[in-house]
Protein backbone atom coordinates (compact mmCIF):
# COMPACT_ATOMS: atom_id res chain seq x y z
CA UNK A 1 -142.35 -82.08 -287.40
CA UNK A 2 -144.49 -84.99 -286.25
CA UNK A 3 -143.31 -87.49 -283.70
CA UNK A 4 -143.86 -89.64 -280.66
CA UNK A 5 -142.10 -89.94 -277.32
CA UNK A 6 -142.56 -92.19 -274.31
CA UNK A 7 -140.85 -91.76 -270.92
CA UNK A 8 -141.39 -92.94 -267.34
CA UNK A 9 -142.41 -89.48 -266.09
CA UNK A 10 -145.20 -87.28 -267.45
CA UNK A 11 -143.20 -84.07 -267.10
CA UNK A 12 -140.35 -85.53 -269.17
CA UNK A 13 -142.80 -86.63 -271.85
CA UNK A 14 -144.38 -83.17 -271.85
CA UNK A 15 -140.94 -81.61 -272.30
CA UNK A 16 -140.28 -83.85 -275.29
CA UNK A 17 -143.64 -82.99 -276.81
CA UNK A 18 -142.96 -79.27 -276.37
CA UNK A 19 -139.69 -79.69 -278.25
CA UNK A 20 -141.54 -81.33 -281.14
CA UNK A 21 -143.91 -78.35 -281.10
CA UNK A 22 -140.92 -76.00 -281.25
CA UNK A 23 -139.69 -77.66 -284.43
CA UNK A 24 -137.33 -80.20 -282.90
CA UNK A 25 -136.95 -83.78 -284.01
CA UNK A 26 -136.78 -87.13 -282.20
CA UNK A 27 -133.21 -86.49 -281.05
CA UNK A 28 -134.10 -83.07 -279.62
CA UNK A 29 -137.18 -84.45 -277.87
CA UNK A 30 -135.22 -87.36 -276.38
CA UNK A 31 -132.48 -85.13 -275.00
CA UNK A 32 -134.90 -82.63 -273.48
CA UNK A 33 -136.77 -85.48 -271.80
CA UNK A 34 -133.49 -87.04 -270.64
CA UNK A 35 -132.50 -83.79 -268.95
CA UNK A 36 -135.87 -83.43 -267.21
CA UNK A 37 -135.62 -86.98 -265.88
CA UNK A 38 -132.39 -86.09 -264.06
CA UNK A 39 -134.47 -83.52 -262.17
CA UNK A 40 -137.75 -85.36 -261.53
CA UNK A 41 -136.44 -88.96 -261.32
CA UNK A 42 -133.03 -88.46 -259.65
CA UNK A 43 -133.23 -91.81 -257.87
CA UNK A 44 -133.05 -93.50 -261.29
CA UNK A 45 -130.85 -91.21 -263.37
CA UNK A 46 -128.59 -88.22 -262.80
CA UNK A 47 -125.90 -86.13 -264.47
CA UNK A 48 -123.37 -88.33 -262.66
CA UNK A 49 -124.58 -91.50 -264.40
CA UNK A 50 -124.08 -93.43 -267.63
CA UNK A 51 -126.06 -93.76 -270.87
CA UNK A 52 -126.38 -96.18 -273.78
CA UNK A 53 -128.40 -95.33 -276.88
CA UNK A 54 -129.30 -96.42 -280.40
CA UNK A 55 -129.94 -93.81 -283.07
CA UNK A 56 -131.43 -94.38 -286.52
CA UNK A 57 -130.81 -91.25 -288.60
CA UNK A 58 -133.67 -92.02 -290.98
CA UNK A 59 -131.31 -92.74 -293.88
CA UNK A 60 -130.70 -96.37 -293.00
CA UNK A 61 -127.72 -95.83 -290.69
CA UNK A 62 -127.98 -96.92 -287.05
CA UNK A 63 -125.33 -95.99 -284.48
CA UNK A 64 -124.78 -97.51 -281.06
CA UNK A 65 -123.57 -95.07 -278.38
CA UNK A 66 -121.69 -96.41 -275.38
CA UNK A 67 -121.68 -93.73 -272.70
CA UNK A 68 -120.16 -95.80 -269.91
CA UNK A 69 -117.20 -94.53 -267.92
CA UNK A 70 -114.08 -96.23 -266.65
CA UNK A 71 -112.75 -96.86 -263.16
CA UNK A 72 -110.62 -93.88 -262.05
CA UNK A 73 -106.90 -94.37 -262.63
CA UNK A 74 -105.92 -93.78 -259.00
CA UNK A 75 -108.17 -96.48 -257.50
CA UNK A 76 -106.11 -98.66 -255.14
CA UNK A 77 -107.39 -102.12 -256.06
CA UNK A 78 -105.16 -103.83 -253.50
CA UNK A 79 -106.66 -101.70 -250.74
CA UNK A 80 -110.22 -102.48 -251.84
CA UNK A 81 -109.41 -106.20 -251.95
CA UNK A 82 -107.92 -105.99 -248.45
CA UNK A 83 -110.88 -104.14 -246.94
CA UNK A 84 -113.92 -105.48 -248.82
CA UNK A 85 -115.18 -108.92 -249.82
CA UNK A 86 -116.94 -107.36 -252.82
CA UNK A 87 -117.23 -103.96 -254.47
CA UNK A 88 -119.09 -101.60 -252.10
CA UNK A 89 -122.73 -100.98 -252.99
CA UNK A 90 -122.44 -97.27 -252.27
CA UNK A 91 -120.04 -94.56 -251.23
CA UNK A 92 -116.95 -93.14 -252.96
CA UNK A 93 -115.42 -96.51 -253.93
CA UNK A 94 -118.48 -97.37 -256.03
CA UNK A 95 -118.14 -94.37 -258.38
CA UNK A 96 -116.82 -94.61 -261.94
CA UNK A 97 -116.41 -91.82 -264.49
CA UNK A 98 -119.91 -90.58 -265.43
CA UNK A 99 -120.43 -90.88 -269.18
CA UNK A 100 -123.99 -89.67 -269.69
CA UNK A 101 -123.37 -85.97 -270.34
CA UNK A 102 -120.70 -86.75 -272.93
CA UNK A 103 -123.09 -89.21 -274.61
CA UNK A 104 -125.78 -86.53 -274.73
CA UNK A 105 -123.31 -84.32 -276.60
CA UNK A 106 -122.45 -87.03 -279.13
CA UNK A 107 -126.10 -87.88 -279.77
CA UNK A 108 -126.87 -84.18 -280.22
CA UNK A 109 -124.09 -83.84 -282.79
CA UNK A 110 -125.58 -86.71 -284.78
CA UNK A 111 -129.00 -85.25 -285.35
CA UNK A 112 -130.29 -82.54 -283.01
CA UNK A 113 -131.58 -79.35 -284.61
CA UNK A 114 -132.10 -77.11 -281.56
CA UNK A 115 -129.49 -75.52 -279.27
CA UNK A 116 -128.79 -76.80 -275.77
CA UNK A 117 -130.30 -73.64 -274.30
CA UNK A 118 -133.67 -74.80 -275.68
CA UNK A 119 -133.21 -78.47 -274.83
CA UNK A 120 -132.19 -77.86 -271.21
CA UNK A 121 -134.67 -75.06 -270.49
CA UNK A 122 -137.49 -77.31 -269.17
CA UNK A 123 -135.11 -79.14 -266.82
CA UNK A 124 -133.59 -75.88 -265.54
CA UNK A 125 -137.03 -74.44 -264.81
CA UNK A 126 -138.13 -77.54 -262.90
CA UNK A 127 -134.93 -77.66 -260.86
CA UNK A 128 -135.21 -73.95 -260.01
CA UNK A 129 -138.94 -73.67 -259.37
CA UNK A 130 -139.46 -77.16 -258.02
CA UNK A 131 -141.20 -80.29 -259.24
CA UNK A 132 -143.74 -82.51 -257.46
CA UNK A 133 -142.34 -85.69 -255.97
CA UNK A 134 -143.59 -88.74 -257.89
CA UNK A 135 -144.54 -91.96 -256.14
CA UNK A 136 -141.46 -93.83 -257.38
CA UNK A 137 -139.15 -91.06 -256.16
CA UNK A 138 -140.83 -90.96 -252.75
CA UNK A 139 -140.30 -94.72 -252.42
CA UNK A 140 -136.67 -94.31 -253.45
CA UNK A 141 -136.07 -91.63 -250.83
CA UNK A 142 -137.49 -93.86 -248.11
CA UNK A 143 -135.40 -96.80 -249.32
CA UNK A 144 -132.08 -94.92 -249.22
CA UNK A 145 -132.81 -92.85 -246.12
CA UNK A 146 -130.61 -94.93 -243.75
CA UNK A 147 -127.40 -94.32 -245.71
CA UNK A 148 -127.88 -90.92 -247.36
CA UNK A 149 -124.91 -88.57 -247.22
CA UNK A 150 -125.35 -84.97 -246.04
CA UNK A 151 -125.69 -83.67 -249.59
CA UNK A 152 -128.57 -86.06 -250.24
CA UNK A 153 -130.27 -85.33 -246.94
CA UNK A 154 -130.19 -81.59 -247.58
CA UNK A 155 -132.09 -82.04 -250.85
CA UNK A 156 -134.47 -84.93 -250.20
CA UNK A 157 -135.41 -84.38 -246.55
CA UNK A 158 -137.44 -81.56 -245.06
CA UNK A 159 -137.29 -80.98 -241.30
CA UNK A 160 -135.50 -84.30 -241.05
CA UNK A 161 -138.27 -86.23 -242.78
CA UNK A 162 -138.25 -87.66 -246.32
CA UNK A 163 -140.18 -85.73 -248.96
CA UNK A 164 -143.59 -87.25 -249.60
CA UNK A 165 -145.59 -87.74 -252.78
CA UNK A 166 -146.71 -84.42 -254.34
CA UNK A 167 -144.45 -82.31 -252.10
CA UNK A 168 -142.16 -79.96 -254.03
CA UNK A 169 -138.54 -80.88 -254.71
CA UNK A 170 -136.23 -77.89 -255.22
CA UNK A 171 -132.69 -78.34 -256.56
CA UNK A 172 -131.06 -74.91 -257.02
CA UNK A 173 -127.50 -76.26 -257.23
CA UNK A 174 -128.52 -78.69 -259.95
CA UNK A 175 -130.33 -75.87 -261.78
CA UNK A 176 -127.11 -73.86 -261.77
CA UNK A 177 -125.17 -76.82 -263.15
CA UNK A 178 -127.71 -77.38 -265.91
CA UNK A 179 -127.55 -73.65 -266.71
CA UNK A 180 -123.78 -73.93 -266.97
CA UNK A 181 -124.17 -76.77 -269.47
CA UNK A 182 -126.68 -74.71 -271.45
CA UNK A 183 -124.45 -71.64 -271.69
CA UNK A 184 -120.91 -73.03 -271.70
CA UNK A 185 -121.56 -76.31 -273.52
CA UNK A 186 -121.69 -79.87 -272.26
CA UNK A 187 -117.91 -80.27 -272.50
CA UNK A 188 -117.62 -78.12 -269.36
CA UNK A 189 -118.73 -81.16 -267.37
CA UNK A 190 -115.38 -82.77 -268.26
CA UNK A 191 -113.13 -79.72 -268.70
CA UNK A 192 -113.15 -76.28 -267.09
CA UNK A 193 -114.41 -74.80 -263.85
CA UNK A 194 -117.44 -77.10 -263.54
CA UNK A 195 -115.21 -80.17 -263.90
CA UNK A 196 -112.85 -78.70 -261.29
CA UNK A 197 -115.75 -78.28 -258.86
CA UNK A 198 -117.02 -81.81 -259.48
CA UNK A 199 -113.62 -83.33 -258.83
CA UNK A 200 -113.03 -81.19 -255.74
CA UNK A 201 -116.38 -82.28 -254.30
CA UNK A 202 -115.73 -85.93 -255.05
CA UNK A 203 -112.30 -85.78 -253.43
CA UNK A 204 -113.91 -84.35 -250.28
CA UNK A 205 -116.30 -87.34 -250.32
CA UNK A 206 -113.36 -89.75 -250.48
CA UNK A 207 -113.44 -90.56 -254.20
CA UNK A 208 -110.04 -90.66 -255.91
CA UNK A 209 -111.33 -89.40 -259.27
CA UNK A 210 -109.05 -86.83 -260.85
CA UNK A 211 -109.54 -84.21 -263.54
CA UNK A 212 -107.57 -86.41 -265.93
CA UNK A 213 -110.20 -89.15 -265.57
CA UNK A 214 -112.91 -86.78 -266.77
CA UNK A 215 -110.74 -85.24 -269.49
CA UNK A 216 -109.81 -88.66 -270.85
CA UNK A 217 -113.39 -89.93 -271.15
CA UNK A 218 -114.82 -90.51 -274.64
CA UNK A 219 -118.18 -91.82 -275.82
CA UNK A 220 -117.74 -94.90 -277.99
CA UNK A 221 -119.78 -94.99 -281.21
CA UNK A 222 -120.01 -98.38 -282.91
CA UNK A 223 -122.24 -100.49 -285.09
CA UNK A 224 -125.09 -102.12 -283.17
CA UNK A 225 -125.30 -105.81 -282.42
CA UNK A 226 -127.93 -107.45 -284.69
CA UNK A 227 -130.15 -110.54 -284.52
CA UNK A 228 -132.85 -111.78 -286.91
CA UNK A 229 -136.14 -112.70 -285.25
CA UNK A 230 -139.36 -113.66 -287.07
CA UNK A 231 -138.60 -111.51 -290.09
CA UNK A 232 -137.45 -108.57 -287.96
CA UNK A 233 -133.98 -107.24 -287.30
CA UNK A 234 -133.30 -106.58 -283.63
CA UNK A 235 -130.55 -104.09 -282.76
CA UNK A 236 -128.91 -103.40 -279.42
CA UNK A 237 -125.58 -102.14 -278.07
CA UNK A 238 -122.59 -104.52 -278.11
CA UNK A 239 -120.57 -105.34 -274.96
CA UNK A 240 -119.85 -104.02 -272.37
CA UNK A 241 -123.66 -103.74 -272.59
CA UNK A 242 -125.57 -106.87 -271.62
CA UNK A 243 -127.69 -106.52 -274.79
CA UNK A 244 -126.40 -109.81 -276.18
CA UNK A 245 -128.23 -111.62 -273.35
CA UNK A 246 -131.59 -110.98 -275.02
CA UNK A 247 -130.31 -112.30 -278.34
CA UNK A 248 -128.82 -115.41 -276.72
CA UNK A 249 -132.12 -116.02 -274.93
CA UNK A 250 -133.99 -115.89 -278.23
CA UNK A 251 -131.38 -118.06 -279.95
CA UNK A 252 -131.65 -120.67 -277.19
CA UNK A 253 -135.42 -120.90 -277.70
CA UNK A 254 -134.95 -121.06 -281.46
CA UNK A 255 -132.49 -123.94 -281.09
CA UNK A 256 -135.33 -126.06 -279.67
CA UNK A 257 -138.00 -124.53 -281.94
CA UNK A 258 -139.81 -122.95 -278.97
CA UNK A 259 -141.64 -119.64 -279.37
CA UNK A 260 -141.95 -116.75 -276.93
CA UNK A 261 -144.83 -117.47 -274.56
CA UNK A 262 -144.06 -115.85 -271.23
CA UNK A 263 -147.48 -116.42 -269.66
CA UNK A 264 -148.28 -119.86 -271.08
CA UNK A 265 -146.76 -123.24 -271.75
CA UNK A 266 -143.50 -121.75 -273.04
CA UNK A 267 -142.75 -119.88 -269.82
CA UNK A 268 -140.49 -122.57 -268.36
CA UNK A 269 -138.40 -122.72 -271.54
CA UNK A 270 -138.07 -118.92 -271.47
CA UNK A 271 -136.95 -119.11 -267.84
CA UNK A 272 -134.28 -121.70 -268.69
CA UNK A 273 -133.12 -119.72 -271.72
CA UNK A 274 -132.90 -116.57 -269.60
CA UNK A 275 -130.86 -118.37 -266.94
CA UNK A 276 -128.52 -119.84 -269.54
CA UNK A 277 -127.85 -116.45 -271.12
CA UNK A 278 -127.52 -114.72 -267.75
CA UNK A 279 -124.92 -117.28 -266.67
CA UNK A 280 -122.87 -116.46 -269.76
CA UNK A 281 -123.20 -112.75 -269.01
CA UNK A 282 -121.99 -113.19 -265.44
CA UNK A 283 -119.07 -115.35 -266.57
CA UNK A 284 -117.97 -113.48 -269.69
CA UNK A 285 -119.09 -109.84 -269.81
CA UNK A 286 -116.61 -107.06 -269.25
CA UNK A 287 -114.79 -104.32 -271.11
CA UNK A 288 -114.26 -105.61 -274.69
CA UNK A 289 -110.93 -103.77 -274.67
CA UNK A 290 -109.81 -106.55 -272.31
CA UNK A 291 -111.96 -109.53 -273.34
CA UNK A 292 -114.09 -110.20 -276.41
CA UNK A 293 -117.15 -112.38 -275.99
CA UNK A 294 -117.35 -115.33 -278.42
CA UNK A 295 -120.74 -114.15 -279.67
CA UNK A 296 -120.92 -116.44 -282.70
CA UNK A 297 -120.48 -119.45 -280.44
CA UNK A 298 -122.94 -118.12 -277.88
CA UNK A 299 -125.64 -117.71 -280.54
CA UNK A 300 -124.93 -120.96 -282.42
CA UNK A 301 -127.88 -123.34 -282.43
CA UNK A 302 -125.70 -126.45 -282.49
CA UNK A 303 -124.14 -125.28 -279.21
CA UNK A 304 -127.25 -123.82 -277.58
CA UNK A 305 -129.49 -126.81 -278.32
CA UNK A 306 -127.55 -129.31 -276.16
CA UNK A 307 -127.03 -126.69 -273.48
CA UNK A 308 -130.76 -125.96 -273.30
CA UNK A 309 -131.63 -129.67 -273.16
CA UNK A 310 -129.20 -130.19 -270.30
CA UNK A 311 -130.59 -127.25 -268.38
CA UNK A 312 -134.19 -128.30 -268.90
CA UNK A 313 -133.29 -131.85 -267.83
CA UNK A 314 -132.34 -130.57 -264.40
CA UNK A 315 -128.90 -128.98 -264.63
CA UNK A 316 -128.36 -126.89 -261.47
CA UNK A 317 -129.21 -123.20 -261.56
CA UNK A 318 -125.98 -121.16 -261.59
CA UNK A 319 -125.19 -119.15 -258.45
CA UNK A 320 -126.66 -115.66 -258.22
CA UNK A 321 -124.87 -112.54 -257.14
CA UNK A 322 -126.56 -111.85 -253.81
CA UNK A 323 -125.48 -108.23 -253.40
CA UNK A 324 -128.31 -105.75 -253.96
CA UNK A 325 -128.37 -104.23 -257.43
CA UNK A 326 -131.76 -102.60 -257.77
CA UNK A 327 -132.31 -101.64 -261.39
CA UNK A 328 -132.91 -97.92 -261.25
CA UNK A 329 -132.88 -96.77 -264.84
CA UNK A 330 -135.01 -94.77 -267.26
CA UNK A 331 -135.79 -95.53 -270.89
CA UNK A 332 -136.77 -92.92 -273.46
CA UNK A 333 -138.17 -93.96 -276.83
CA UNK A 334 -138.84 -91.50 -279.63
CA UNK A 335 -139.49 -91.35 -283.38
CA UNK A 336 -140.30 -88.66 -285.92
CA UNK A 337 -141.87 -88.52 -289.36
CA UNK A 338 -138.50 -88.09 -291.09
CA UNK A 339 -137.46 -91.61 -290.09
CA UNK A 340 -135.37 -90.85 -287.02
CA UNK A 341 -135.66 -93.22 -284.08
CA UNK A 342 -134.02 -93.15 -280.64
CA UNK A 343 -133.84 -95.68 -277.85
CA UNK A 344 -132.00 -94.06 -274.94
CA UNK A 345 -131.29 -95.64 -271.55
CA UNK A 346 -129.67 -93.68 -268.72
CA UNK A 347 -129.12 -94.69 -265.13
CA UNK A 348 -127.43 -94.37 -261.76
CA UNK A 349 -127.62 -98.21 -261.39
CA UNK A 350 -129.02 -98.67 -257.86
CA UNK A 351 -131.50 -96.34 -256.19
CA UNK A 352 -129.68 -92.97 -255.99
CA UNK A 353 -126.54 -94.72 -257.23
CA UNK A 354 -123.58 -94.28 -254.90
CA UNK A 355 -125.66 -92.22 -252.49
CA UNK A 356 -123.16 -89.38 -253.01
CA UNK A 357 -124.58 -85.97 -253.96
CA UNK A 358 -121.89 -83.36 -254.55
CA UNK A 359 -123.51 -80.34 -252.79
CA UNK A 360 -121.82 -77.52 -254.73
CA UNK A 361 -123.11 -78.79 -258.10
CA UNK A 362 -126.16 -80.81 -257.03
CA UNK A 363 -124.87 -83.80 -259.04
CA UNK A 364 -125.65 -87.34 -257.87
CA UNK A 365 -123.08 -89.98 -258.85
CA UNK A 366 -123.79 -93.54 -259.87
CA UNK A 367 -122.31 -96.72 -258.40
CA UNK A 368 -121.32 -98.47 -261.63
CA UNK A 369 -118.19 -99.94 -260.04
CA UNK A 370 -120.65 -102.59 -258.83
CA UNK A 371 -120.33 -104.01 -262.35
CA UNK A 372 -116.75 -105.08 -261.57
CA UNK A 373 -115.51 -108.21 -259.83
CA UNK A 374 -112.70 -108.64 -257.31
CA UNK A 375 -111.92 -112.05 -258.83
CA UNK A 376 -108.48 -111.98 -260.43
CA UNK A 377 -108.59 -112.73 -264.13
CA UNK A 378 -112.35 -112.22 -264.47
CA UNK A 379 -113.45 -110.43 -267.68
CA UNK A 380 -114.85 -107.67 -265.48
CA UNK A 381 -111.97 -107.62 -263.00
CA UNK A 382 -111.63 -104.37 -261.07
CA UNK A 383 -108.87 -102.58 -262.97
CA UNK A 384 -108.29 -98.81 -263.31
CA UNK A 385 -109.06 -97.44 -266.75
CA UNK A 386 -111.49 -100.22 -267.70
CA UNK A 387 -115.26 -100.09 -268.04
CA UNK A 388 -117.56 -102.33 -265.96
CA UNK A 389 -119.98 -104.96 -267.16
CA UNK A 390 -123.11 -102.92 -267.83
CA UNK A 391 -126.85 -103.55 -267.53
CA UNK A 392 -128.09 -100.84 -269.91
CA UNK A 393 -129.44 -102.18 -273.23
CA UNK A 394 -131.54 -100.07 -275.62
CA UNK A 395 -133.40 -101.90 -278.38
CA UNK A 396 -134.58 -101.00 -281.88
CA UNK A 397 -136.61 -103.32 -284.12
CA UNK A 398 -136.34 -102.86 -287.89
CA UNK A 399 -138.23 -104.33 -290.83
CA UNK A 400 -137.92 -103.75 -294.56
CA UNK A 401 -135.02 -101.34 -294.02
CA UNK A 402 -136.73 -99.01 -291.55
CA UNK A 403 -137.09 -98.87 -287.79
CA UNK A 404 -140.48 -100.16 -286.75
CA UNK A 405 -140.17 -100.07 -282.97
CA UNK A 406 -138.15 -98.38 -280.23
CA UNK A 407 -138.00 -100.23 -276.91
CA UNK A 408 -136.31 -99.81 -273.55
CA UNK A 409 -136.84 -100.72 -269.93
CA UNK A 410 -135.72 -100.19 -266.38
CA UNK A 411 -134.85 -103.43 -264.59
CA UNK A 412 -131.13 -103.85 -263.94
CA UNK A 413 -129.92 -107.30 -264.87
CA UNK A 414 -133.51 -108.32 -265.62
CA UNK A 415 -133.77 -106.00 -268.63
CA UNK A 416 -133.31 -108.87 -271.14
CA UNK A 417 -136.03 -110.89 -269.39
CA UNK A 418 -138.46 -107.97 -269.50
CA UNK A 419 -137.80 -107.14 -273.15
CA UNK A 420 -138.19 -110.80 -274.13
CA UNK A 421 -141.63 -110.83 -272.51
CA UNK A 422 -142.65 -107.65 -274.34
CA UNK A 423 -141.21 -108.49 -277.74
CA UNK A 424 -143.84 -110.79 -279.24
CA UNK A 425 -146.72 -108.42 -278.46
CA UNK A 426 -144.76 -105.35 -279.52
CA UNK A 427 -144.06 -106.61 -283.04
CA UNK A 428 -147.64 -107.86 -283.48
CA UNK A 429 -149.46 -105.09 -285.39
CA UNK A 430 -152.78 -106.28 -283.96
CA UNK A 431 -151.66 -105.70 -280.36
CA UNK A 432 -152.08 -102.35 -278.63
CA UNK A 433 -148.83 -101.30 -276.99
CA UNK A 434 -150.63 -100.10 -273.86
CA UNK A 435 -152.10 -103.60 -273.49
CA UNK A 436 -148.70 -105.21 -274.04
CA UNK A 437 -147.16 -103.10 -271.27
CA UNK A 438 -150.03 -103.76 -268.87
CA UNK A 439 -149.76 -107.55 -269.11
CA UNK A 440 -148.43 -109.25 -265.97
CA UNK A 441 -144.74 -110.18 -265.95
CA UNK A 442 -142.25 -112.20 -263.98
CA UNK A 443 -138.52 -111.90 -263.41
CA UNK A 444 -135.87 -114.06 -261.79
CA UNK A 445 -133.34 -112.57 -259.41
CA UNK A 446 -132.32 -112.37 -255.78
CA UNK A 447 -131.55 -109.29 -253.70
CA UNK A 448 -131.82 -107.19 -256.84
CA UNK A 449 -135.58 -107.83 -256.64
CA UNK A 450 -135.72 -107.79 -252.82
CA UNK A 451 -135.47 -111.52 -252.11
CA UNK A 452 -132.83 -113.14 -249.92
CA UNK A 453 -132.63 -116.24 -252.15
CA UNK A 454 -132.81 -116.78 -255.93
CA UNK A 455 -136.49 -116.34 -256.75
CA UNK A 456 -138.90 -116.19 -259.65
CA UNK A 457 -141.08 -113.19 -258.74
CA UNK A 458 -144.49 -113.33 -260.45
CA UNK A 459 -146.98 -110.48 -260.45
CA UNK A 460 -150.21 -111.29 -258.63
CA UNK A 461 -152.44 -110.99 -261.69
CA UNK A 462 -150.43 -113.47 -263.78
CA UNK A 463 -152.01 -116.88 -264.52
CA UNK A 464 -152.09 -119.22 -261.51
CA UNK A 465 -150.47 -121.95 -263.61
CA UNK A 466 -147.16 -120.06 -263.60
CA UNK A 467 -146.43 -121.00 -259.98
CA UNK A 468 -145.89 -124.64 -260.91
CA UNK A 469 -144.66 -123.95 -264.44
CA UNK A 470 -141.79 -121.77 -263.21
CA UNK A 471 -140.89 -124.01 -260.28
CA UNK A 472 -137.45 -125.46 -260.96
CA UNK A 473 -134.74 -126.77 -258.66
CA UNK A 474 -132.68 -124.04 -257.06
CA UNK A 475 -135.27 -121.28 -257.35
CA UNK A 476 -138.05 -120.15 -255.05
CA UNK A 477 -141.33 -118.93 -256.53
CA UNK A 478 -143.14 -115.96 -255.01
CA UNK A 479 -146.02 -113.69 -255.91
CA UNK A 480 -145.50 -109.94 -255.80
CA UNK A 481 -148.10 -107.15 -256.12
CA UNK A 482 -149.46 -106.38 -259.54
CA UNK A 483 -147.95 -103.41 -261.36
CA UNK A 484 -144.70 -103.72 -259.41
CA UNK A 485 -141.50 -101.86 -260.25
CA UNK A 486 -139.67 -105.11 -259.44
CA UNK A 487 -140.53 -106.29 -262.95
CA UNK A 488 -139.28 -103.03 -264.45
CA UNK A 489 -141.02 -100.27 -266.30
CA UNK A 490 -140.70 -100.16 -270.06
CA UNK A 491 -141.37 -97.62 -272.80
CA UNK A 492 -142.45 -98.37 -276.38
CA UNK A 493 -142.96 -96.36 -279.56
CA UNK A 494 -144.03 -97.98 -282.84
CA UNK A 495 -144.29 -96.66 -286.38
CA UNK A 496 -147.55 -97.65 -288.03
CA UNK A 497 -147.84 -98.85 -291.60
CA UNK A 498 -149.66 -95.62 -292.52
CA UNK A 499 -146.75 -93.51 -291.28
CA UNK A 500 -148.37 -92.53 -288.00
CA UNK A 501 -147.22 -93.50 -284.52
CA UNK A 502 -148.38 -95.50 -281.53
CA UNK A 503 -146.75 -95.55 -278.13
CA UNK A 504 -147.10 -96.75 -274.61
CA UNK A 505 -145.65 -96.00 -271.20
CA UNK A 506 -145.52 -98.71 -268.56
CA UNK A 507 -148.22 -98.33 -265.88
CA UNK A 508 -145.55 -99.35 -263.35
CA UNK A 509 -143.92 -95.92 -263.81
CA UNK A 510 -145.15 -92.34 -263.49
CA UNK A 511 -144.91 -91.91 -267.23
CA UNK A 512 -146.87 -91.23 -270.38
CA UNK A 513 -146.58 -91.30 -274.15
CA UNK A 514 -147.26 -88.31 -276.40
CA UNK A 515 -148.02 -88.33 -280.10
CA UNK A 516 -147.36 -84.93 -281.69
CA UNK A 517 -149.21 -84.48 -284.98
CA UNK A 518 -147.93 -81.02 -285.82
């Protein structure tokens, strides 16, 4: 088997490459890397998180996997409304059902060729024997230090001080949990003694999740959302994923016949298009079981054209959610020579998610309840049994009936902005993917990118002209250091016309890309 894999951590990429060498395919390599990332990048993904993925089986069929979990049935919404002005950023009230492990199982059933004992072995070894702390993880530990629970402090502090870069991180409880998954099957995370232990630990932490919440969880498999762009077919996950935001951004530019030019004269139009689409996301996105987005209307040029003209003529910038929502997510992109392609995104949402680490199992839980709203009647209203509005959005690019490109990025709500800035270079066969990823970027946000007010954050090495170009009413403009995680870290793998592969891992991460030639 020949293939390529790109991840944000070198050890995860190495695990994927070793799976190719053992005869595995792109699905096997992706899942092995995904497991390793829960060990070496636990501030950005964990067994207690969610996952979205796209899978091309090489025969022309592409599936979209929605591995997001619902709000536990016993959540007292009235109590939360009475005590909080908004959903808590961390702690037990921020936890929803974790869907990632179940999504791993579904993806495996679609195309993996190796057993879970093989796929989880690298992650188990690293959790047992220890792994060196990467720079991003060290920064994440320092960031969450003030509000870590005792389970977190026991793992990520030594002698009361946060682990530093290159020190060894040991996670024996997590190793035992991964070993349980390898021997008993991934369903034990939702049913059986492991599920019982998870629920018991969460109840001690103050979370009202019950065994029935885990037992009732299912991964949704659907057709992907599609959009035609410059002779290419773009595919992403449908709502409750925010993937449609990228397509609406592109459609808004198309309505005014403006091309993608993030670092030149088209940057202001891209900013306005991004703001327009983000406003629709914030107003309309939720669980499609409760509310269906009018996607045809959102993408219609005759509607988008006037809206874009009004925005570019000085229409006020919509209000931003000012609660922190740091985009801590990992993307894994993989392909093989039999036509399979995977774009897999998994996450705990904010840095270390809820900040709750269940000590008996070593599992960190996400804070995806932050995707809900306390506003009555909102599409993403906080309601038990419903899924939150979600930031994760994998991306595949197809041409002539085959997947050409697998893309994904960390970046929270800014993921559509980041992918839009990478897209033109990624589909250009003359561009090197490593060069595309290294180009300076900008994103617009607020506290999610560490600014008190709505701000366009521009990397220091971007053209000086962007400061004035991206200056619009209602937004500050600020320069941030080059190669900053604030503008996300993306992964890319591309199939060449000769059947070979090219890939790239964002220099803003600790990652790498591996091409396995067999």
